[in-house]
Amino acid sequence: MYSSLTHALAEALVDVLWFIESSEDDQMDPDDAVKVLEGVAHLVGKLSIDQRSELIDLLGAMAEAEADPARQEFLEGFPEGFGLCDDAV
């Protein structure tokens, strides 16, 4: 059970992006993968500073709780990789 809808949606978003990021070229077309990843970066770039901070905090908590080192690294790099840190305080 998640503490909020935001947490549940963040977890779902990370699951989808992790799948795309870790897919082999024969599982997903690389051009389609890039389009999806860029689309997400564009959308999260439109979040307010407060929303970005909330998502960054959630991602940090998710990274701390993650047992898979590769996925933990993905979570830790998510804020910078998807442009959340550009305007966040």
Protein backbone atom coordinates (compact mmCIF):
# COMPACT_ATOMS: atom_id res chain seq x y z
CA MET A 1 0.00 0.00 0.00
CA TYR A 2 1.29 3.43 -0.91
CA SER A 3 1.14 6.49 1.34
CA SER A 4 -0.25 8.64 -1.46
CA LEU A 5 -1.45 8.62 -5.03
CA THR A 6 1.70 10.55 -5.93
CA HIS A 7 3.86 7.75 -4.51
CA ALA A 8 1.90 5.09 -6.41
CA LEU A 9 2.18 7.02 -9.67
CA ALA A 10 5.90 7.68 -9.15
CA GLU A 11 6.45 3.96 -8.58
CA ALA A 12 4.49 3.11 -11.75
CA LEU A 13 6.42 5.71 -13.77
CA VAL A 14 9.75 4.38 -12.54
CA ASP A 15 8.71 0.79 -13.34
CA VAL A 16 7.85 1.72 -16.94
CA LEU A 17 10.98 3.81 -17.43
CA TRP A 18 13.18 1.14 -15.85
CA PHE A 19 11.70 -1.43 -18.25
CA ILE A 20 12.39 0.85 -21.23
CA GLU A 21 15.89 1.75 -20.04
CA SER A 22 16.86 -1.87 -19.46
CA SER A 23 15.25 -3.30 -22.61
CA GLU A 24 17.40 -4.76 -25.33
CA ASP A 25 17.09 -3.42 -28.86
CA ASP A 26 15.18 -6.54 -29.94
CA GLN A 27 12.62 -5.96 -27.17
CA MET A 28 11.94 -2.32 -27.96
CA ASP A 29 12.87 -0.10 -30.87
CA PRO A 30 15.63 2.26 -29.65
CA ASP A 31 14.06 5.26 -31.42
CA ASP A 32 10.72 4.60 -29.70
CA ALA A 33 12.50 4.23 -26.35
CA VAL A 34 14.23 7.58 -26.81
CA LYS A 35 10.92 9.24 -27.72
CA VAL A 36 9.28 7.92 -24.55
CA LEU A 37 12.21 8.93 -22.33
CA GLU A 38 12.37 12.40 -23.88
CA GLY A 39 8.60 12.77 -23.51
CA VAL A 40 8.81 11.99 -19.82
CA ALA A 41 11.70 14.42 -19.38
CA HIS A 42 9.60 17.10 -21.07
CA LEU A 43 6.58 16.40 -18.85
CA VAL A 44 8.50 16.37 -15.58
CA GLY A 45 10.21 19.55 -16.73
CA LYS A 46 6.80 21.24 -16.54
CA LEU A 47 6.34 20.37 -12.85
CA SER A 48 6.38 23.18 -10.33
CA ILE A 49 9.39 23.47 -8.03
CA ASP A 50 7.29 22.02 -5.18
CA GLN A 51 6.19 19.09 -7.33
CA ARG A 52 9.76 18.46 -8.44
CA SER A 53 10.95 18.50 -4.84
CA GLU A 54 8.23 16.04 -3.84
CA LEU A 55 9.16 13.69 -6.69
CA ILE A 56 12.88 13.97 -5.90
CA ASP A 57 12.14 13.09 -2.25
CA LEU A 58 10.04 10.09 -3.33
CA LEU A 59 12.76 8.90 -5.69
CA GLY A 60 15.32 9.20 -2.89
CA ALA A 61 13.16 7.11 -0.57
CA MET A 62 12.60 4.55 -3.32
CA ALA A 63 16.37 4.38 -3.99
CA GLU A 64 17.10 3.81 -0.29
CA ALA A 65 14.60 0.95 -0.17
CA GLU A 66 15.76 -0.65 -3.45
CA ALA A 67 17.62 -3.96 -3.16
CA ASP A 68 18.69 -4.21 -6.83
CA PRO A 69 21.92 -2.17 -7.22
CA ALA A 70 21.28 -1.39 -10.91
CA ARG A 71 17.75 -0.17 -10.25
CA GLN A 72 18.98 1.77 -7.21
CA GLU A 73 21.53 3.52 -9.43
CA PHE A 74 18.75 4.30 -11.94
CA LEU A 75 16.62 5.81 -9.16
CA GLU A 76 19.52 7.86 -7.82
CA GLY A 77 20.26 9.23 -11.30
CA PHE A 78 16.62 9.86 -12.21
CA PRO A 79 16.37 13.46 -10.96
CA GLU A 80 19.38 14.64 -12.95
CA GLY A 81 18.74 12.37 -15.92
CA PHE A 82 15.18 13.58 -16.39
CA GLY A 83 15.84 17.26 -15.71
CA LEU A 84 14.28 17.50 -12.26
CA CYS A 85 17.31 19.26 -10.79
CA ASP A 86 17.44 22.15 -13.27
CA ASP A 87 15.20 24.50 -11.27
CA ALA A 88 14.75 22.54 -8.03
CA VAL A 89 16.06 24.09 -4.87
